[in-house]
Amino acid sequence: MIVKQIEKIKEKEALSKELQLLINTKRLDSKLKQLKELTLYELLKEIKNFYSLDYSLKHPILTALLADKEISQFVKSDILHHYIVRNYQAHLKLTWFEEIKIIDSLSLVPYKEDSTYLQIKALLEDYTVNNNPHIYDGLLEEINLLVMVYYPFIKEKISDPVAWFNSFLSYYHIEKSEESDQNERMDEILQQAIDEIKQLSL
């Protein structure tokens, strides 16, 4: 136990020194390039290590990740939630599905407090109570992952929570979805998030 703690302290010190040097020499791009070569799972693990560092060290690399169009939306959501948890005040440039957004971190709320998310959660509660309560936890966990991909502009992606939820049930072969233009649109939006979440297991 003590050996593991010493190793963690040493790793943190090494990472701090590395980032400080890259910041001082204006070579943070090289770290960003290195991070972009990782799998989604590896990248999330590496970012968790950044979270324990001083703000002055992690902020430059975290903001670079938020602004990069090649970085997973799921990763960006995780970073934004870190800013929320720590109550950091910053204006953040976010590349969100090819769009450039400027966000005040203090205006963000966790995805679990988002009105669209709460509506989908209520739909799931109603559905499972009436059909199969045993599948609630598993489906909610999946919905949580998918909604993180759309964060923080969930409503812009899920314009019709009912149609999106129906698409979700249809994708997992729980219910059949009726064909309509809106359902087709929500099918595409759902698939966008599913494709990204699949990378977690690669």
Protein backbone atom coordinates (compact mmCIF):
# COMPACT_ATOMS: atom_id res chain seq x y z
CA MET A 1 0.00 0.00 0.00
CA ILE A 2 2.75 2.45 1.00
CA VAL A 3 4.83 1.44 -2.05
CA LYS A 4 1.87 2.19 -4.33
CA GLN A 5 1.37 5.61 -2.71
CA ILE A 6 5.08 6.44 -3.16
CA GLU A 7 4.86 5.38 -6.82
CA LYS A 8 1.81 7.63 -7.33
CA ILE A 9 3.62 10.60 -5.76
CA LYS A 10 6.65 9.99 -8.01
CA GLU A 11 4.43 9.72 -11.11
CA LYS A 12 2.65 12.95 -10.19
CA GLU A 13 5.97 14.76 -9.69
CA ALA A 14 7.30 13.46 -13.02
CA LEU A 15 4.13 14.54 -14.84
CA SER A 16 4.24 17.97 -13.17
CA LYS A 17 7.87 18.48 -14.25
CA GLU A 18 7.11 17.31 -17.79
CA LEU A 19 4.17 19.69 -18.21
CA GLN A 20 6.02 22.61 -16.62
CA LEU A 21 8.91 22.13 -19.05
CA LEU A 22 6.56 21.88 -22.04
CA ILE A 23 4.70 25.03 -20.94
CA ASN A 24 7.96 26.94 -20.39
CA THR A 25 9.34 25.92 -23.77
CA LYS A 26 5.99 26.37 -25.55
CA ARG A 27 6.02 22.75 -26.70
CA LEU A 28 2.66 21.65 -25.30
CA ASP A 29 1.63 20.61 -28.84
CA SER A 30 3.98 17.64 -28.61
CA LYS A 31 2.11 16.37 -25.53
CA LEU A 32 -1.21 16.90 -27.28
CA LYS A 33 0.00 14.91 -30.27
CA GLN A 34 1.12 12.09 -27.95
CA LEU A 35 -2.28 12.04 -26.19
CA LYS A 36 -4.15 11.88 -29.51
CA GLU A 37 -2.39 8.61 -30.32
CA LEU A 38 -3.90 6.90 -27.26
CA THR A 39 -7.10 4.84 -27.28
CA LEU A 40 -10.14 6.51 -25.72
CA TYR A 41 -9.76 4.39 -22.57
CA GLU A 42 -6.03 5.19 -22.26
CA LEU A 43 -6.68 8.88 -22.83
CA LEU A 44 -9.30 8.98 -20.07
CA LYS A 45 -6.84 7.30 -17.68
CA GLU A 46 -4.12 9.81 -18.56
CA ILE A 47 -6.47 12.75 -18.10
CA LYS A 48 -7.44 11.50 -14.63
CA ASN A 49 -3.74 11.88 -13.75
CA PHE A 50 -3.86 15.53 -14.89
CA TYR A 51 -6.78 16.24 -12.56
CA SER A 52 -4.59 15.84 -9.48
CA LEU A 53 -2.09 18.48 -10.66
CA ASP A 54 -1.98 22.20 -9.90
CA TYR A 55 -4.38 24.30 -11.98
CA SER A 56 -1.54 26.22 -13.64
CA LEU A 57 -0.14 22.95 -15.04
CA LYS A 58 -3.31 21.12 -16.06
CA HIS A 59 -5.36 24.05 -17.37
CA PRO A 60 -3.24 24.61 -20.54
CA ILE A 61 -3.33 20.96 -21.60
CA LEU A 62 -7.00 20.46 -20.67
CA THR A 63 -8.04 23.54 -22.66
CA ALA A 64 -5.98 22.32 -25.62
CA LEU A 65 -7.90 19.02 -25.49
CA LEU A 66 -11.25 20.83 -25.32
CA ALA A 67 -10.41 22.90 -28.39
CA ASP A 68 -9.09 20.03 -30.51
CA LYS A 69 -11.62 18.71 -33.04
CA GLU A 70 -10.07 15.22 -33.02
CA ILE A 71 -10.58 14.61 -29.30
CA SER A 72 -13.61 12.54 -28.32
CA GLN A 73 -16.68 14.45 -27.11
CA PHE A 74 -16.89 12.01 -24.20
CA VAL A 75 -13.41 13.04 -23.04
CA LYS A 76 -14.33 16.71 -23.34
CA SER A 77 -17.44 16.12 -21.21
CA ASP A 78 -15.29 14.49 -18.55
CA ILE A 79 -12.96 17.52 -18.55
CA LEU A 80 -15.89 19.95 -18.29
CA HIS A 81 -17.26 18.03 -15.32
CA HIS A 82 -13.84 18.33 -13.66
CA TYR A 83 -14.13 22.13 -13.96
CA ILE A 84 -17.61 21.93 -12.43
CA VAL A 85 -16.53 19.72 -9.50
CA ARG A 86 -13.56 21.98 -8.72
CA ASN A 87 -15.67 25.11 -9.22
CA TYR A 88 -13.03 26.60 -11.53
CA GLN A 89 -13.85 29.86 -13.26
CA ALA A 90 -12.66 29.96 -16.86
CA HIS A 91 -13.80 30.86 -20.34
CA LEU A 92 -13.30 27.69 -22.32
CA LYS A 93 -13.09 27.23 -26.08
CA LEU A 94 -14.82 23.99 -26.99
CA THR A 95 -14.93 22.28 -30.37
CA TRP A 96 -18.27 20.48 -30.19
CA PHE A 97 -19.14 18.38 -33.24
CA GLU A 98 -17.24 20.72 -35.60
CA GLU A 99 -18.74 23.83 -33.97
CA ILE A 100 -16.65 26.29 -31.94
CA LYS A 101 -18.33 27.21 -28.66
CA ILE A 102 -17.12 29.56 -25.92
CA ILE A 103 -18.28 28.49 -22.47
CA ASP A 104 -18.17 30.10 -19.06
CA SER A 105 -17.35 27.14 -16.82
CA LEU A 106 -19.40 28.58 -13.95
CA SER A 107 -22.54 28.46 -16.12
CA LEU A 108 -22.24 24.69 -16.59
CA VAL A 109 -24.37 22.19 -14.71
CA PRO A 110 -23.62 18.44 -14.48
CA TYR A 111 -25.31 16.37 -17.18
CA LYS A 112 -27.44 14.63 -14.53
CA GLU A 113 -29.12 17.99 -13.83
CA ASP A 114 -29.79 18.75 -17.50
CA SER A 115 -33.51 19.05 -18.31
CA THR A 116 -33.31 16.85 -21.44
CA TYR A 117 -31.43 14.15 -19.52
CA LEU A 118 -34.02 14.28 -16.71
CA GLN A 119 -36.80 13.91 -19.28
CA ILE A 120 -35.15 10.82 -20.79
CA LYS A 121 -34.56 9.38 -17.32
CA ALA A 122 -38.27 9.86 -16.53
CA LEU A 123 -39.21 8.10 -19.79
CA LEU A 124 -36.96 5.20 -18.80
CA GLU A 125 -38.49 5.02 -15.31
CA ASP A 126 -42.01 4.94 -16.75
CA TYR A 127 -41.08 2.34 -19.34
CA THR A 128 -39.28 -0.04 -16.98
CA VAL A 129 -41.89 0.24 -14.20
CA ASN A 130 -44.56 -0.81 -16.70
CA ASN A 131 -42.52 -3.44 -18.55
CA ASN A 132 -39.41 -4.73 -16.76
CA PRO A 133 -37.96 -3.00 -13.65
CA HIS A 134 -34.89 -5.27 -13.73
CA ILE A 135 -33.45 -3.61 -16.84
CA TYR A 136 -33.58 -0.05 -15.42
CA ASP A 137 -30.04 0.15 -13.96
CA GLY A 138 -28.33 -1.31 -17.02
CA LEU A 139 -30.19 0.93 -19.45
CA LEU A 140 -29.64 4.04 -17.31
CA GLU A 141 -25.90 3.34 -17.26
CA GLU A 142 -25.92 3.14 -21.06
CA ILE A 143 -27.96 6.34 -21.35
CA ASN A 144 -25.51 8.12 -19.02
CA LEU A 145 -22.60 7.25 -21.31
CA LEU A 146 -24.47 8.30 -24.44
CA VAL A 147 -25.66 11.62 -23.02
CA MET A 148 -22.09 12.46 -21.97
CA VAL A 149 -21.18 12.47 -25.68
CA TYR A 150 -23.68 15.28 -26.36
CA TYR A 151 -22.78 17.34 -23.28
CA PRO A 152 -22.97 20.28 -22.61
CA PHE A 153 -25.44 21.07 -25.42
CA ILE A 154 -27.62 18.00 -25.00
CA LYS A 155 -30.83 19.74 -26.09
CA GLU A 156 -29.24 20.78 -29.41
CA LYS A 157 -28.65 17.11 -30.26
CA ILE A 158 -31.69 15.52 -28.61
CA SER A 159 -34.34 17.93 -29.88
CA ASP A 160 -37.04 15.28 -29.35
CA PRO A 161 -36.34 13.22 -26.19
CA VAL A 162 -39.29 10.88 -26.82
CA ALA A 163 -38.14 10.06 -30.37
CA TRP A 164 -34.54 9.63 -29.14
CA PHE A 165 -35.68 7.31 -26.34
CA ASN A 166 -37.74 5.26 -28.81
CA SER A 167 -34.66 5.00 -31.04
CA PHE A 168 -32.66 3.89 -28.00
CA LEU A 169 -35.16 1.10 -27.19
CA SER A 170 -35.24 0.06 -30.83
CA TYR A 171 -31.43 -0.06 -31.13
CA TYR A 172 -31.21 -2.44 -28.16
CA HIS A 173 -34.05 -4.57 -29.60
CA ILE A 174 -36.34 -3.81 -26.66
CA GLU A 175 -39.11 -2.17 -28.73
CA LYS A 176 -39.74 -1.52 -32.41
CA SER A 177 -39.59 2.11 -33.50
CA GLU A 178 -42.08 3.54 -35.98
CA GLU A 179 -40.60 5.02 -39.14
CA SER A 180 -40.72 8.82 -39.40
CA ASP A 181 -38.39 11.63 -40.41
CA GLN A 182 -37.93 12.67 -36.78
CA ASN A 183 -37.24 9.10 -35.63
CA GLU A 184 -34.74 8.73 -38.47
CA ARG A 185 -33.00 11.93 -37.37
CA MET A 186 -32.84 10.71 -33.75
CA ASP A 187 -31.54 7.32 -35.00
CA GLU A 188 -28.61 9.18 -36.59
CA ILE A 189 -27.97 11.22 -33.43
CA LEU A 190 -28.09 8.08 -31.29
CA GLN A 191 -25.70 6.25 -33.64
CA GLN A 192 -23.26 9.15 -33.38
CA ALA A 193 -22.99 8.64 -29.62
CA ILE A 194 -22.97 4.83 -29.83
CA ASP A 195 -20.03 4.90 -32.27
CA GLU A 196 -18.06 7.02 -29.86
CA ILE A 197 -18.89 4.93 -26.77
CA LYS A 198 -17.81 1.77 -28.60
CA GLN A 199 -14.27 3.19 -28.61
CA LEU A 200 -14.14 2.76 -24.82
CA SER A 201 -13.77 -0.99 -25.30
CA LEU A 202 -11.10 -0.80 -28.03
